[in-house]
């Protein structure tokens, strides 16, 4: 049994918080599905979100934080288990803001991977107290 797009949409719409399902291929991390509140997380409309993120979600990560995010995604895709990351992402009105993310993998019965991230905002210049990357 493979998951259909509609099944995945139903699943993530029932999850509290900000969730993005990614396709990770050839070093590119592209959002496939996301909860409807995700664009607002970055202060964006859905059209702006699609325009910024559709080619590669890494495009909105602060350049200095990209090595951390890349390392976490490589570990996730290679099967190392859940990966937490603390890094800065673009916000339309606040510039780069701190974000705490838990990257995880789910598998369907045929063991096909579905990678996703659960986001928590930590807006402010001091990072996210109480979280470790």
N, C-alpha and C. Protein backbone atom coordinates (compact mmCIF):
# COMPACT_ATOMS: atom_id res chain seq x y z
N UNK A 1 0.84 -1.19 0.00
CA UNK A 1 0.00 0.00 0.00
C UNK A 1 0.88 1.24 0.00
N UNK A 2 0.66 2.13 -0.92
CA UNK A 2 1.34 3.41 -0.94
C UNK A 2 0.38 4.47 -0.43
N UNK A 3 0.93 5.53 0.14
CA UNK A 3 0.10 6.63 0.59
C UNK A 3 -0.24 7.52 -0.59
N UNK A 4 -1.50 7.88 -0.72
CA UNK A 4 -1.89 8.81 -1.76
C UNK A 4 -1.69 10.23 -1.25
N UNK A 5 -1.65 11.17 -2.16
CA UNK A 5 -1.50 12.57 -1.80
C UNK A 5 -2.66 13.00 -0.89
N UNK A 6 -3.87 12.56 -1.20
CA UNK A 6 -5.02 12.92 -0.38
C UNK A 6 -4.91 12.35 1.03
N UNK A 7 -4.39 11.12 1.16
CA UNK A 7 -4.21 10.54 2.49
C UNK A 7 -3.19 11.35 3.30
N UNK A 8 -2.11 11.76 2.66
CA UNK A 8 -1.11 12.56 3.35
C UNK A 8 -1.66 13.92 3.74
N UNK A 9 -2.44 14.54 2.86
CA UNK A 9 -3.06 15.84 3.17
C UNK A 9 -3.97 15.71 4.38
N UNK A 10 -4.76 14.65 4.41
CA UNK A 10 -5.66 14.42 5.55
C UNK A 10 -4.86 14.23 6.83
N UNK A 11 -3.80 13.45 6.74
CA UNK A 11 -2.98 13.19 7.91
C UNK A 11 -2.37 14.46 8.47
N UNK A 12 -1.68 15.24 7.65
CA UNK A 12 -1.00 16.41 8.21
C UNK A 12 -1.97 17.51 8.63
N UNK A 13 -3.16 17.56 8.03
CA UNK A 13 -4.12 18.58 8.45
C UNK A 13 -4.67 18.30 9.84
N UNK A 14 -4.51 17.07 10.31
CA UNK A 14 -5.01 16.71 11.65
C UNK A 14 -3.95 16.87 12.73
N UNK A 15 -2.73 17.25 12.35
CA UNK A 15 -1.63 17.38 13.31
C UNK A 15 -1.55 18.83 13.77
N UNK A 16 -1.44 19.01 15.09
CA UNK A 16 -1.28 20.36 15.63
C UNK A 16 0.12 20.88 15.33
N UNK A 17 0.22 22.15 15.08
CA UNK A 17 1.52 22.76 14.86
C UNK A 17 1.82 22.97 13.39
N UNK A 18 3.09 23.19 13.11
CA UNK A 18 3.57 23.46 11.77
C UNK A 18 4.29 22.23 11.26
N UNK A 19 3.76 21.60 10.22
CA UNK A 19 4.36 20.38 9.70
C UNK A 19 4.58 20.52 8.19
N UNK A 20 5.76 20.11 7.74
CA UNK A 20 6.08 20.12 6.31
C UNK A 20 6.61 18.74 5.94
N UNK A 21 6.06 18.16 4.88
CA UNK A 21 6.57 16.91 4.32
C UNK A 21 7.49 17.27 3.16
N UNK A 22 8.70 16.70 3.19
CA UNK A 22 9.71 17.05 2.20
C UNK A 22 10.04 15.89 1.28
N UNK A 23 10.44 16.25 0.08
CA UNK A 23 11.11 15.34 -0.83
C UNK A 23 12.58 15.73 -0.74
N UNK A 24 13.42 14.78 -0.37
CA UNK A 24 14.86 15.05 -0.26
C UNK A 24 15.55 14.19 -1.30
N UNK A 25 16.12 14.86 -2.32
CA UNK A 25 16.73 14.13 -3.42
C UNK A 25 17.88 14.94 -4.01
N UNK A 26 19.00 14.28 -4.21
CA UNK A 26 20.18 14.91 -4.83
C UNK A 26 20.57 16.21 -4.14
N UNK A 27 20.53 16.24 -2.82
CA UNK A 27 20.95 17.41 -2.07
C UNK A 27 19.94 18.54 -2.03
N UNK A 28 18.75 18.31 -2.55
CA UNK A 28 17.71 19.34 -2.56
C UNK A 28 16.56 18.89 -1.66
N UNK A 29 16.09 19.82 -0.85
CA UNK A 29 14.99 19.55 0.07
C UNK A 29 13.80 20.41 -0.36
N UNK A 30 12.79 19.74 -0.92
CA UNK A 30 11.66 20.47 -1.49
C UNK A 30 10.37 20.11 -0.75
N UNK A 31 9.63 21.13 -0.27
CA UNK A 31 8.35 20.84 0.39
C UNK A 31 7.36 20.24 -0.60
N UNK A 32 6.69 19.18 -0.19
CA UNK A 32 5.67 18.54 -1.01
C UNK A 32 4.29 18.88 -0.48
N UNK A 33 4.12 18.80 0.83
CA UNK A 33 2.87 19.13 1.51
C UNK A 33 3.20 19.87 2.80
N UNK A 34 2.28 20.69 3.26
CA UNK A 34 2.48 21.39 4.52
C UNK A 34 1.13 21.77 5.10
N UNK A 35 1.10 21.91 6.43
CA UNK A 35 -0.14 22.36 7.06
C UNK A 35 -0.41 23.78 6.61
N UNK A 36 -1.68 24.14 6.57
CA UNK A 36 -2.05 25.43 5.97
C UNK A 36 -1.51 26.63 6.74
N UNK A 37 -1.06 26.44 7.98
CA UNK A 37 -0.51 27.55 8.76
C UNK A 37 0.98 27.79 8.51
N UNK A 38 1.63 26.94 7.75
CA UNK A 38 3.08 27.05 7.55
C UNK A 38 3.50 28.34 6.86
N UNK A 39 2.86 28.80 5.79
CA UNK A 39 3.32 30.07 5.20
C UNK A 39 3.31 31.23 6.19
N UNK A 40 2.27 31.30 7.04
CA UNK A 40 2.19 32.38 8.03
C UNK A 40 3.33 32.31 9.05
N UNK A 41 3.87 31.12 9.28
CA UNK A 41 5.01 30.94 10.18
C UNK A 41 6.18 31.83 9.75
N UNK A 42 6.30 32.03 8.44
CA UNK A 42 7.36 32.88 7.89
C UNK A 42 6.85 34.26 7.49
N UNK A 43 5.61 34.58 7.89
CA UNK A 43 5.05 35.88 7.55
C UNK A 43 4.68 36.01 6.09
N UNK A 44 4.45 34.88 5.43
CA UNK A 44 4.22 34.86 3.98
C UNK A 44 2.80 34.47 3.63
N UNK A 45 2.36 34.88 2.45
CA UNK A 45 1.14 34.33 1.87
C UNK A 45 1.50 32.97 1.29
N UNK A 46 0.52 32.19 0.93
CA UNK A 46 0.81 30.88 0.34
C UNK A 46 1.56 31.04 -0.98
N UNK A 47 1.20 32.02 -1.77
CA UNK A 47 1.88 32.24 -3.06
C UNK A 47 3.35 32.60 -2.84
N UNK A 48 3.63 33.47 -1.85
CA UNK A 48 5.01 33.84 -1.56
C UNK A 48 5.80 32.63 -1.04
N UNK A 49 5.15 31.82 -0.21
CA UNK A 49 5.79 30.63 0.33
C UNK A 49 6.19 29.68 -0.80
N UNK A 50 5.27 29.42 -1.70
CA UNK A 50 5.55 28.52 -2.82
C UNK A 50 6.69 29.07 -3.66
N UNK A 51 6.66 30.36 -3.94
CA UNK A 51 7.70 30.98 -4.75
C UNK A 51 9.09 30.85 -4.12
N UNK A 52 9.18 31.03 -2.80
CA UNK A 52 10.47 30.95 -2.12
C UNK A 52 10.95 29.52 -1.90
N UNK A 53 10.03 28.62 -1.59
CA UNK A 53 10.40 27.28 -1.15
C UNK A 53 10.35 26.20 -2.23
N UNK A 54 9.67 26.44 -3.33
CA UNK A 54 9.40 25.35 -4.26
C UNK A 54 10.64 24.68 -4.84
N UNK A 55 11.70 25.41 -5.06
CA UNK A 55 12.90 24.81 -5.66
C UNK A 55 13.77 24.13 -4.61
N UNK A 56 13.93 24.75 -3.44
CA UNK A 56 14.75 24.17 -2.38
C UNK A 56 14.50 24.95 -1.10
N UNK A 57 14.03 24.26 -0.07
CA UNK A 57 13.75 24.90 1.22
C UNK A 57 15.00 25.50 1.84
N UNK A 58 16.17 25.02 1.46
CA UNK A 58 17.41 25.55 2.01
C UNK A 58 17.64 27.00 1.60
N UNK A 59 16.95 27.46 0.59
CA UNK A 59 17.14 28.83 0.12
C UNK A 59 16.76 29.87 1.19
N UNK A 60 15.98 29.48 2.18
CA UNK A 60 15.55 30.43 3.20
C UNK A 60 16.27 30.24 4.54
N UNK A 61 17.26 29.36 4.55
CA UNK A 61 18.06 29.15 5.76
C UNK A 61 19.20 30.16 5.76
N UNK A 62 19.47 30.75 6.93
CA UNK A 62 20.60 31.69 7.03
C UNK A 62 21.87 30.98 6.56
N UNK A 63 22.64 31.60 5.68
CA UNK A 63 23.82 30.94 5.13
C UNK A 63 24.77 30.36 6.18
N UNK A 64 24.95 31.05 7.29
CA UNK A 64 25.86 30.56 8.33
C UNK A 64 25.33 29.29 9.00
N UNK A 65 24.02 29.06 8.93
CA UNK A 65 23.40 27.90 9.57
C UNK A 65 23.21 26.72 8.63
N UNK A 66 23.49 26.91 7.35
CA UNK A 66 23.26 25.86 6.37
C UNK A 66 24.05 24.58 6.66
N UNK A 67 25.30 24.64 7.12
CA UNK A 67 26.00 23.39 7.43
C UNK A 67 25.29 22.54 8.49
N UNK A 68 24.69 23.18 9.48
CA UNK A 68 23.95 22.45 10.51
C UNK A 68 22.74 21.75 9.90
N UNK A 69 21.98 22.47 9.10
CA UNK A 69 20.77 21.90 8.48
C UNK A 69 21.15 20.78 7.53
N UNK A 70 22.17 20.99 6.71
CA UNK A 70 22.60 19.96 5.76
C UNK A 70 23.02 18.69 6.49
N UNK A 71 23.77 18.84 7.57
CA UNK A 71 24.21 17.69 8.34
C UNK A 71 23.02 16.92 8.91
N UNK A 72 22.05 17.63 9.45
CA UNK A 72 20.86 16.98 10.02
C UNK A 72 20.07 16.23 8.95
N UNK A 73 19.93 16.82 7.76
CA UNK A 73 19.18 16.17 6.69
C UNK A 73 19.92 14.94 6.15
N UNK A 74 21.23 15.03 6.03
CA UNK A 74 22.02 13.86 5.59
C UNK A 74 21.83 12.72 6.59
N UNK A 75 21.90 13.03 7.86
CA UNK A 75 21.72 12.01 8.90
C UNK A 75 20.31 11.41 8.83
N UNK A 76 19.31 12.26 8.66
CA UNK A 76 17.93 11.80 8.59
C UNK A 76 17.74 10.84 7.42
N UNK A 77 18.16 11.26 6.24
CA UNK A 77 17.97 10.47 5.03
C UNK A 77 18.77 9.17 5.08
N UNK A 78 19.90 9.19 5.77
CA UNK A 78 20.71 7.97 5.85
C UNK A 78 20.21 6.99 6.91
N UNK A 79 19.13 7.35 7.60
CA UNK A 79 18.51 6.43 8.55
C UNK A 79 19.00 6.55 9.97
N UNK A 80 19.62 7.67 10.33
CA UNK A 80 20.16 7.84 11.68
C UNK A 80 19.10 8.19 12.72
N UNK A 81 17.86 8.27 12.32
CA UNK A 81 16.79 8.58 13.28
C UNK A 81 16.44 10.06 13.30
N UNK A 82 15.59 10.42 14.25
CA UNK A 82 15.13 11.80 14.37
C UNK A 82 16.31 12.76 14.54
N UNK A 83 16.15 13.95 13.97
CA UNK A 83 17.20 14.96 14.04
C UNK A 83 16.60 16.29 14.47
N UNK A 84 17.11 16.86 15.56
CA UNK A 84 16.68 18.18 16.00
C UNK A 84 17.65 19.21 15.47
N UNK A 85 17.13 20.36 15.11
CA UNK A 85 17.99 21.43 14.62
C UNK A 85 17.49 22.78 15.12
N UNK A 86 18.40 23.64 15.41
CA UNK A 86 18.13 25.01 15.80
C UNK A 86 18.88 25.89 14.82
N UNK A 87 18.15 26.67 14.05
CA UNK A 87 18.79 27.49 13.03
C UNK A 87 17.89 28.66 12.68
N UNK A 88 18.42 29.58 11.88
CA UNK A 88 17.66 30.77 11.49
C UNK A 88 17.08 30.60 10.09
N UNK A 89 15.82 31.00 9.97
CA UNK A 89 15.14 30.98 8.68
C UNK A 89 14.58 32.37 8.38
N UNK A 90 14.33 32.60 7.12
CA UNK A 90 13.80 33.89 6.67
C UNK A 90 12.37 34.08 7.14
N UNK A 91 12.09 35.28 7.66
CA UNK A 91 10.73 35.73 7.97
C UNK A 91 10.53 37.05 7.26
N UNK A 92 9.42 37.20 6.61
CA UNK A 92 9.17 38.37 5.74
C UNK A 92 9.33 39.70 6.47
N UNK A 93 8.85 39.81 7.69
CA UNK A 93 8.90 41.10 8.38
C UNK A 93 9.96 41.17 9.47
N UNK A 94 10.56 40.05 9.84
CA UNK A 94 11.52 40.04 10.93
C UNK A 94 12.93 39.68 10.51
N UNK A 95 13.15 39.47 9.23
CA UNK A 95 14.48 39.05 8.77
C UNK A 95 14.70 37.59 9.11
N UNK A 96 15.89 37.24 9.57
CA UNK A 96 16.15 35.86 9.96
C UNK A 96 15.76 35.67 11.43
N UNK A 97 14.99 34.64 11.68
CA UNK A 97 14.52 34.33 13.04
C UNK A 97 14.92 32.92 13.41
N UNK A 98 15.09 32.68 14.70
CA UNK A 98 15.46 31.34 15.17
C UNK A 98 14.27 30.41 15.07
N UNK A 99 14.55 29.21 14.64
CA UNK A 99 13.53 28.18 14.48
C UNK A 99 14.06 26.86 15.04
N UNK A 100 13.22 26.18 15.76
CA UNK A 100 13.55 24.85 16.28
C UNK A 100 12.75 23.84 15.49
N UNK A 101 13.42 22.83 14.94
CA UNK A 101 12.74 21.85 14.08
C UNK A 101 13.13 20.43 14.53
N UNK A 102 12.15 19.55 14.49
CA UNK A 102 12.40 18.13 14.68
C UNK A 102 12.13 17.47 13.33
N UNK A 103 13.20 16.99 12.67
CA UNK A 103 13.07 16.28 11.41
C UNK A 103 12.86 14.81 11.72
N UNK A 104 11.88 14.19 11.08
CA UNK A 104 11.58 12.78 11.31
C UNK A 104 11.29 12.08 9.98
N UNK A 105 11.28 10.75 10.05
CA UNK A 105 10.97 9.94 8.87
C UNK A 105 9.86 8.97 9.24
N UNK A 106 8.88 8.84 8.37
CA UNK A 106 7.83 7.82 8.51
C UNK A 106 7.96 6.91 7.30
N UNK A 107 7.52 5.68 7.45
CA UNK A 107 7.59 4.74 6.32
C UNK A 107 6.25 4.06 6.15
N UNK A 108 5.89 3.84 4.89
CA UNK A 108 4.66 3.09 4.62
C UNK A 108 4.98 1.59 4.69
N UNK A 109 3.99 0.73 4.53
CA UNK A 109 4.27 -0.71 4.65
C UNK A 109 5.33 -1.24 3.69
N UNK A 110 5.57 -0.57 2.57
CA UNK A 110 6.61 -1.01 1.64
C UNK A 110 7.97 -0.39 1.99
N UNK A 111 8.04 0.27 3.13
CA UNK A 111 9.27 0.88 3.65
C UNK A 111 9.72 2.10 2.86
N UNK A 112 8.81 2.70 2.08
CA UNK A 112 9.16 3.93 1.39
C UNK A 112 9.18 5.07 2.41
N UNK A 113 10.21 5.90 2.34
CA UNK A 113 10.39 6.96 3.33
C UNK A 113 9.59 8.21 2.99
N UNK A 114 9.10 8.84 4.02
CA UNK A 114 8.44 10.14 3.94
C UNK A 114 9.11 10.99 5.02
N UNK A 115 9.86 12.01 4.64
CA UNK A 115 10.58 12.86 5.59
C UNK A 115 9.73 14.09 5.90
N UNK A 116 9.70 14.47 7.16
CA UNK A 116 8.92 15.64 7.53
C UNK A 116 9.57 16.39 8.67
N UNK A 117 9.16 17.63 8.82
CA UNK A 117 9.68 18.46 9.91
C UNK A 117 8.54 19.04 10.70
N UNK A 118 8.70 19.08 12.02
CA UNK A 118 7.75 19.73 12.91
C UNK A 118 8.45 20.97 13.46
N UNK A 119 7.89 22.13 13.17
CA UNK A 119 8.55 23.40 13.46
C UNK A 119 7.97 24.07 14.70
N UNK A 120 8.88 24.72 15.43
CA UNK A 120 8.50 25.60 16.53
C UNK A 120 9.26 26.90 16.32
N UNK A 121 8.55 27.99 16.32
CA UNK A 121 9.22 29.28 16.18
C UNK A 121 9.82 29.72 17.49
N UNK A 122 10.89 30.45 17.41
CA UNK A 122 11.55 30.99 18.59
C UNK A 122 11.96 32.41 18.28
N UNK A 123 11.02 33.19 17.81
CA UNK A 123 11.34 34.52 17.30
C UNK A 123 12.07 35.34 18.34
N UNK A 124 13.12 35.98 17.91
CA UNK A 124 13.92 36.81 18.77
C UNK A 124 15.38 36.62 18.42
N UNK A 125 16.19 37.54 18.87
CA UNK A 125 17.61 37.50 18.50
C UNK A 125 18.42 36.55 19.35
N UNK A 126 17.89 36.11 20.49
CA UNK A 126 18.69 35.31 21.41
C UNK A 126 18.58 33.82 21.22
N UNK A 127 17.90 33.37 20.20
CA UNK A 127 17.75 31.94 19.99
C UNK A 127 16.60 31.39 20.80
N UNK A 128 16.60 30.11 21.02
CA UNK A 128 15.50 29.43 21.68
C UNK A 128 15.98 28.89 23.01
N UNK A 129 15.75 29.59 24.06
CA UNK A 129 16.19 29.08 25.36
C UNK A 129 15.40 27.82 25.69
N UNK A 130 16.06 26.86 26.29
CA UNK A 130 15.40 25.62 26.64
C UNK A 130 15.50 24.55 25.56
N UNK A 131 16.00 24.89 24.38
CA UNK A 131 16.16 23.92 23.31
C UNK A 131 17.63 23.72 23.04
N UNK A 132 17.97 22.52 22.63
CA UNK A 132 19.36 22.28 22.20
C UNK A 132 19.30 21.77 20.77
N UNK A 133 20.30 22.12 20.01
CA UNK A 133 20.32 21.71 18.60
C UNK A 133 20.96 20.36 18.45
